[in-house]
Amino acid sequence: MSAYASDYLATEPARDDVDAMEGTLLLEFGAPWCGHCQAAQASIRRLLAGSRNVTHLKVEDGRGRPLGRSLAVRLWPTLVVMRSGMELARVVRPVSDADLEPLRDALARI
């Protein structure tokens, strides 16, 4: 079983709620119609394969969306590893598995 979430959340969580979540989070900011986001899914799926201690939240981002703004998201997809409200690693617009190495390294340290 993988931590990979295939669907975007119906409702964006508040930043305070994200900061209060226990365990390790992988926040993925993007949109279902975004070509860059769609292209990154296979690499993200492989990154999370076998990761049972990670919660993957796909957050549909856009103008006026407070969670993405609070984390200075500007391009999609943006992936952020967080634990206890602290950012551990970030990757913006990955195109290959190698681009996800900073996230893989952060997840391995947990």
N, C-alpha and C. Protein backbone atom coordinates (compact mmCIF):
# COMPACT_ATOMS: atom_id res chain seq x y z
N MET A 1 0.84 -1.19 0.00
CA MET A 1 0.00 0.00 0.00
C MET A 1 0.88 1.24 0.00
N SER A 2 0.52 2.21 -0.77
CA SER A 2 1.30 3.44 -0.93
C SER A 2 0.57 4.60 -0.29
N ALA A 3 1.32 5.63 0.04
CA ALA A 3 0.75 6.86 0.59
C ALA A 3 0.20 7.76 -0.51
N TYR A 4 0.41 7.40 -1.76
CA TYR A 4 0.02 8.24 -2.89
C TYR A 4 -1.49 8.50 -2.93
N ALA A 5 -1.84 9.78 -3.04
CA ALA A 5 -3.25 10.19 -3.18
C ALA A 5 -3.48 10.58 -4.63
N SER A 6 -4.44 9.97 -5.27
CA SER A 6 -4.68 10.26 -6.69
C SER A 6 -5.58 11.46 -6.90
N ASP A 7 -6.36 11.84 -5.90
CA ASP A 7 -7.33 12.93 -6.08
C ASP A 7 -6.97 14.15 -5.24
N TYR A 8 -7.33 15.30 -5.78
CA TYR A 8 -7.17 16.55 -5.03
C TYR A 8 -8.23 16.61 -3.94
N LEU A 9 -7.87 17.24 -2.82
CA LEU A 9 -8.81 17.40 -1.73
C LEU A 9 -10.01 18.23 -2.17
N ALA A 10 -11.18 17.90 -1.66
CA ALA A 10 -12.38 18.67 -1.98
C ALA A 10 -12.33 20.05 -1.34
N THR A 11 -11.70 20.13 -0.17
CA THR A 11 -11.59 21.39 0.56
C THR A 11 -10.15 21.55 1.03
N GLU A 12 -9.60 22.70 0.77
CA GLU A 12 -8.23 22.99 1.19
C GLU A 12 -8.16 23.11 2.72
N PRO A 13 -7.19 22.44 3.36
CA PRO A 13 -7.06 22.61 4.81
C PRO A 13 -6.49 23.99 5.16
N ALA A 14 -6.78 24.45 6.35
CA ALA A 14 -6.22 25.71 6.83
C ALA A 14 -4.76 25.48 7.22
N ARG A 15 -3.96 26.52 7.13
CA ARG A 15 -2.54 26.41 7.48
C ARG A 15 -2.37 25.93 8.92
N ASP A 16 -3.15 26.43 9.85
CA ASP A 16 -3.06 26.00 11.24
C ASP A 16 -3.32 24.50 11.37
N ASP A 17 -4.26 23.99 10.60
CA ASP A 17 -4.56 22.56 10.63
C ASP A 17 -3.41 21.74 10.07
N VAL A 18 -2.80 22.22 8.99
CA VAL A 18 -1.65 21.53 8.40
C VAL A 18 -0.49 21.52 9.40
N ASP A 19 -0.23 22.67 10.03
CA ASP A 19 0.86 22.76 11.00
C ASP A 19 0.64 21.85 12.20
N ALA A 20 -0.61 21.59 12.54
CA ALA A 20 -0.94 20.77 13.71
C ALA A 20 -1.00 19.28 13.40
N MET A 21 -0.96 18.91 12.11
CA MET A 21 -1.04 17.49 11.75
C MET A 21 0.18 16.73 12.25
N GLU A 22 -0.09 15.54 12.77
CA GLU A 22 0.98 14.69 13.26
C GLU A 22 1.59 13.92 12.11
N GLY A 23 2.85 13.62 12.25
CA GLY A 23 3.54 12.82 11.24
C GLY A 23 4.09 13.66 10.11
N THR A 24 4.48 12.98 9.07
CA THR A 24 5.11 13.61 7.91
C THR A 24 4.08 13.80 6.82
N LEU A 25 4.08 14.99 6.25
CA LEU A 25 3.17 15.33 5.16
C LEU A 25 3.94 15.60 3.88
N LEU A 26 3.38 15.18 2.77
CA LEU A 26 3.84 15.64 1.47
C LEU A 26 2.67 16.42 0.89
N LEU A 27 2.83 17.73 0.84
CA LEU A 27 1.81 18.60 0.25
C LEU A 27 2.15 18.76 -1.22
N GLU A 28 1.20 18.49 -2.08
CA GLU A 28 1.37 18.67 -3.52
C GLU A 28 0.39 19.74 -3.97
N PHE A 29 0.91 20.86 -4.42
CA PHE A 29 0.08 21.96 -4.90
C PHE A 29 0.04 21.93 -6.42
N GLY A 30 -1.17 22.04 -6.97
CA GLY A 30 -1.33 22.03 -8.41
C GLY A 30 -2.79 22.13 -8.77
N ALA A 31 -3.12 21.59 -9.94
CA ALA A 31 -4.51 21.58 -10.42
C ALA A 31 -4.69 20.36 -11.32
N PRO A 32 -5.87 19.77 -11.33
CA PRO A 32 -6.09 18.56 -12.11
C PRO A 32 -5.93 18.76 -13.61
N TRP A 33 -6.10 19.98 -14.09
CA TRP A 33 -5.99 20.26 -15.53
C TRP A 33 -4.57 20.68 -15.94
N CYS A 34 -3.67 20.84 -14.97
CA CYS A 34 -2.30 21.31 -15.23
C CYS A 34 -1.45 20.21 -15.87
N GLY A 35 -0.94 20.46 -17.05
CA GLY A 35 -0.12 19.48 -17.76
C GLY A 35 1.16 19.12 -17.01
N HIS A 36 1.82 20.09 -16.38
CA HIS A 36 3.03 19.82 -15.59
C HIS A 36 2.70 18.91 -14.41
N CYS A 37 1.54 19.16 -13.79
CA CYS A 37 1.10 18.34 -12.65
C CYS A 37 0.83 16.90 -13.10
N GLN A 38 0.15 16.75 -14.21
CA GLN A 38 -0.16 15.43 -14.73
C GLN A 38 1.11 14.67 -15.08
N ALA A 39 2.07 15.37 -15.68
CA ALA A 39 3.32 14.73 -16.10
C ALA A 39 4.15 14.25 -14.90
N ALA A 40 4.02 14.90 -13.76
CA ALA A 40 4.81 14.56 -12.58
C ALA A 40 4.24 13.39 -11.78
N GLN A 41 3.02 12.96 -12.07
CA GLN A 41 2.35 11.97 -11.23
C GLN A 41 3.08 10.63 -11.15
N ALA A 42 3.63 10.15 -12.24
CA ALA A 42 4.32 8.85 -12.19
C ALA A 42 5.53 8.92 -11.27
N SER A 43 6.28 10.01 -11.33
CA SER A 43 7.45 10.16 -10.44
C SER A 43 7.03 10.29 -8.99
N ILE A 44 5.96 11.02 -8.73
CA ILE A 44 5.46 11.17 -7.36
C ILE A 44 4.98 9.82 -6.83
N ARG A 45 4.29 9.07 -7.67
CA ARG A 45 3.80 7.74 -7.28
C ARG A 45 4.98 6.84 -6.90
N ARG A 46 6.06 6.88 -7.71
CA ARG A 46 7.24 6.06 -7.41
C ARG A 46 7.92 6.54 -6.12
N LEU A 47 7.97 7.85 -5.90
CA LEU A 47 8.56 8.39 -4.67
C LEU A 47 7.84 7.84 -3.44
N LEU A 48 6.54 7.74 -3.50
CA LEU A 48 5.74 7.33 -2.35
C LEU A 48 5.49 5.83 -2.27
N ALA A 49 5.94 5.08 -3.25
CA ALA A 49 5.74 3.63 -3.24
C ALA A 49 6.31 3.03 -1.96
N GLY A 50 5.48 2.35 -1.22
CA GLY A 50 5.92 1.72 0.02
C GLY A 50 6.03 2.65 1.21
N SER A 51 5.75 3.93 1.03
CA SER A 51 5.81 4.88 2.15
C SER A 51 4.49 4.86 2.91
N ARG A 52 4.51 4.24 4.05
CA ARG A 52 3.29 4.14 4.86
C ARG A 52 3.24 5.21 5.94
N ASN A 53 4.36 5.85 6.22
CA ASN A 53 4.42 6.83 7.29
C ASN A 53 4.36 8.27 6.77
N VAL A 54 3.85 8.43 5.55
CA VAL A 54 3.74 9.75 4.94
C VAL A 54 2.29 9.96 4.52
N THR A 55 1.77 11.15 4.82
CA THR A 55 0.43 11.52 4.37
C THR A 55 0.59 12.44 3.16
N HIS A 56 0.06 12.04 2.03
CA HIS A 56 0.14 12.81 0.79
C HIS A 56 -1.17 13.57 0.62
N LEU A 57 -1.08 14.90 0.61
CA LEU A 57 -2.25 15.74 0.41
C LEU A 57 -2.10 16.51 -0.90
N LYS A 58 -3.01 16.26 -1.82
CA LYS A 58 -3.02 17.01 -3.09
C LYS A 58 -3.96 18.20 -2.91
N VAL A 59 -3.39 19.39 -3.00
CA VAL A 59 -4.14 20.62 -2.74
C VAL A 59 -4.30 21.38 -4.06
N GLU A 60 -5.55 21.54 -4.49
CA GLU A 60 -5.79 22.33 -5.69
C GLU A 60 -5.52 23.79 -5.36
N ASP A 61 -4.58 24.37 -6.08
CA ASP A 61 -4.10 25.72 -5.79
C ASP A 61 -4.64 26.69 -6.83
N GLY A 62 -4.56 27.95 -6.52
CA GLY A 62 -4.99 28.99 -7.44
C GLY A 62 -5.02 30.34 -6.74
N ARG A 63 -5.37 31.34 -7.50
CA ARG A 63 -5.44 32.70 -6.98
C ARG A 63 -6.35 32.76 -5.76
N GLY A 64 -5.84 33.40 -4.72
CA GLY A 64 -6.64 33.57 -3.52
C GLY A 64 -6.73 32.36 -2.60
N ARG A 65 -6.00 31.31 -2.91
CA ARG A 65 -6.02 30.12 -2.05
C ARG A 65 -4.98 30.32 -0.94
N PRO A 66 -5.42 30.42 0.31
CA PRO A 66 -4.52 30.82 1.39
C PRO A 66 -3.39 29.84 1.73
N LEU A 67 -3.62 28.54 1.64
CA LEU A 67 -2.56 27.60 2.01
C LEU A 67 -1.36 27.75 1.09
N GLY A 68 -1.62 27.77 -0.20
CA GLY A 68 -0.53 27.94 -1.16
C GLY A 68 0.19 29.26 -0.99
N ARG A 69 -0.56 30.31 -0.71
CA ARG A 69 0.07 31.62 -0.51
C ARG A 69 0.93 31.63 0.75
N SER A 70 0.46 30.93 1.81
CA SER A 70 1.22 30.91 3.06
C SER A 70 2.56 30.19 2.90
N LEU A 71 2.65 29.33 1.89
CA LEU A 71 3.89 28.61 1.62
C LEU A 71 4.61 29.14 0.38
N ALA A 72 4.20 30.30 -0.10
CA ALA A 72 4.85 30.98 -1.24
C ALA A 72 4.90 30.11 -2.49
N VAL A 73 3.82 29.37 -2.76
CA VAL A 73 3.73 28.56 -3.97
C VAL A 73 3.47 29.48 -5.15
N ARG A 74 4.30 29.33 -6.20
CA ARG A 74 4.16 30.17 -7.38
C ARG A 74 4.00 29.36 -8.68
N LEU A 75 4.60 28.18 -8.71
CA LEU A 75 4.52 27.32 -9.89
C LEU A 75 3.98 25.96 -9.49
N TRP A 76 3.37 25.28 -10.45
CA TRP A 76 2.83 23.94 -10.21
C TRP A 76 3.57 22.90 -11.00
N PRO A 77 3.65 21.72 -10.53
CA PRO A 77 3.38 21.37 -9.15
C PRO A 77 4.51 21.83 -8.23
N THR A 78 4.16 22.16 -7.02
CA THR A 78 5.12 22.40 -5.95
C THR A 78 4.85 21.35 -4.89
N LEU A 79 5.90 20.64 -4.50
CA LEU A 79 5.79 19.59 -3.49
C LEU A 79 6.60 20.00 -2.27
N VAL A 80 5.98 19.92 -1.10
CA VAL A 80 6.60 20.35 0.14
C VAL A 80 6.48 19.23 1.17
N VAL A 81 7.61 18.82 1.73
CA VAL A 81 7.60 17.86 2.83
C VAL A 81 7.60 18.67 4.12
N MET A 82 6.64 18.37 5.00
CA MET A 82 6.51 19.07 6.27
C MET A 82 6.36 18.06 7.41
N ARG A 83 6.81 18.49 8.57
CA ARG A 83 6.61 17.71 9.80
C ARG A 83 6.45 18.69 10.94
N SER A 84 5.37 18.58 11.68
CA SER A 84 5.10 19.47 12.81
C SER A 84 5.16 20.94 12.42
N GLY A 85 4.65 21.27 11.24
CA GLY A 85 4.59 22.65 10.79
C GLY A 85 5.89 23.20 10.22
N MET A 86 6.93 22.39 10.16
CA MET A 86 8.23 22.82 9.64
C MET A 86 8.45 22.25 8.24
N GLU A 87 8.89 23.10 7.34
CA GLU A 87 9.21 22.64 5.99
C GLU A 87 10.58 21.97 6.02
N LEU A 88 10.64 20.74 5.50
CA LEU A 88 11.87 19.98 5.47
C LEU A 88 12.51 19.97 4.09
N ALA A 89 11.69 20.01 3.04
CA ALA A 89 12.20 19.98 1.67
C ALA A 89 11.12 20.48 0.73
N ARG A 90 11.58 20.98 -0.43
CA ARG A 90 10.65 21.50 -1.43
C ARG A 90 11.22 21.23 -2.82
N VAL A 91 10.33 20.86 -3.73
CA VAL A 91 10.69 20.70 -5.14
C VAL A 91 9.60 21.39 -5.96
N VAL A 92 10.05 22.16 -6.94
CA VAL A 92 9.12 22.89 -7.79
C VAL A 92 9.24 22.37 -9.22
N ARG A 93 8.11 22.02 -9.79
CA ARG A 93 7.96 21.57 -11.17
C ARG A 93 8.94 20.46 -11.57
N PRO A 94 8.88 19.32 -10.87
CA PRO A 94 9.77 18.22 -11.24
C PRO A 94 9.37 17.62 -12.58
N VAL A 95 10.37 17.16 -13.33
CA VAL A 95 10.10 16.51 -14.61
C VAL A 95 10.63 15.07 -14.65
N SER A 96 11.37 14.67 -13.60
CA SER A 96 11.91 13.32 -13.58
C SER A 96 12.02 12.84 -12.14
N ASP A 97 12.27 11.55 -11.98
CA ASP A 97 12.49 10.98 -10.65
C ASP A 97 13.67 11.67 -9.96
N ALA A 98 14.72 11.98 -10.71
CA ALA A 98 15.91 12.61 -10.14
C ALA A 98 15.58 13.97 -9.52
N ASP A 99 14.63 14.67 -10.09
CA ASP A 99 14.25 15.98 -9.54
C ASP A 99 13.65 15.86 -8.14
N LEU A 100 13.17 14.69 -7.78
CA LEU A 100 12.55 14.48 -6.48
C LEU A 100 13.53 14.04 -5.39
N GLU A 101 14.82 13.99 -5.71
CA GLU A 101 15.82 13.55 -4.73
C GLU A 101 15.79 14.33 -3.42
N PRO A 102 15.62 15.66 -3.42
CA PRO A 102 15.55 16.37 -2.13
C PRO A 102 14.39 15.86 -1.25
N LEU A 103 13.28 15.49 -1.87
CA LEU A 103 12.16 14.96 -1.10
C LEU A 103 12.48 13.56 -0.60
N ARG A 104 13.09 12.74 -1.45
CA ARG A 104 13.46 11.37 -1.08
C ARG A 104 14.43 11.41 0.10
N ASP A 105 15.39 12.33 0.04
CA ASP A 105 16.37 12.46 1.12
C ASP A 105 15.68 12.87 2.43
N ALA A 106 14.77 13.83 2.35
CA ALA A 106 14.05 14.30 3.55
C ALA A 106 13.21 13.18 4.14
N LEU A 107 12.54 12.40 3.30
CA LEU A 107 11.70 11.31 3.77
C LEU A 107 12.55 10.19 4.39
N ALA A 108 13.75 9.99 3.87
CA ALA A 108 14.63 8.94 4.39
C ALA A 108 15.15 9.29 5.79
N ARG A 109 15.25 10.57 6.09
CA ARG A 109 15.77 11.02 7.40
C ARG A 109 14.72 10.93 8.51
N ILE A 110 13.49 10.66 8.14
CA ILE A 110 12.41 10.69 9.13
C ILE A 110 12.21 9.33 9.74
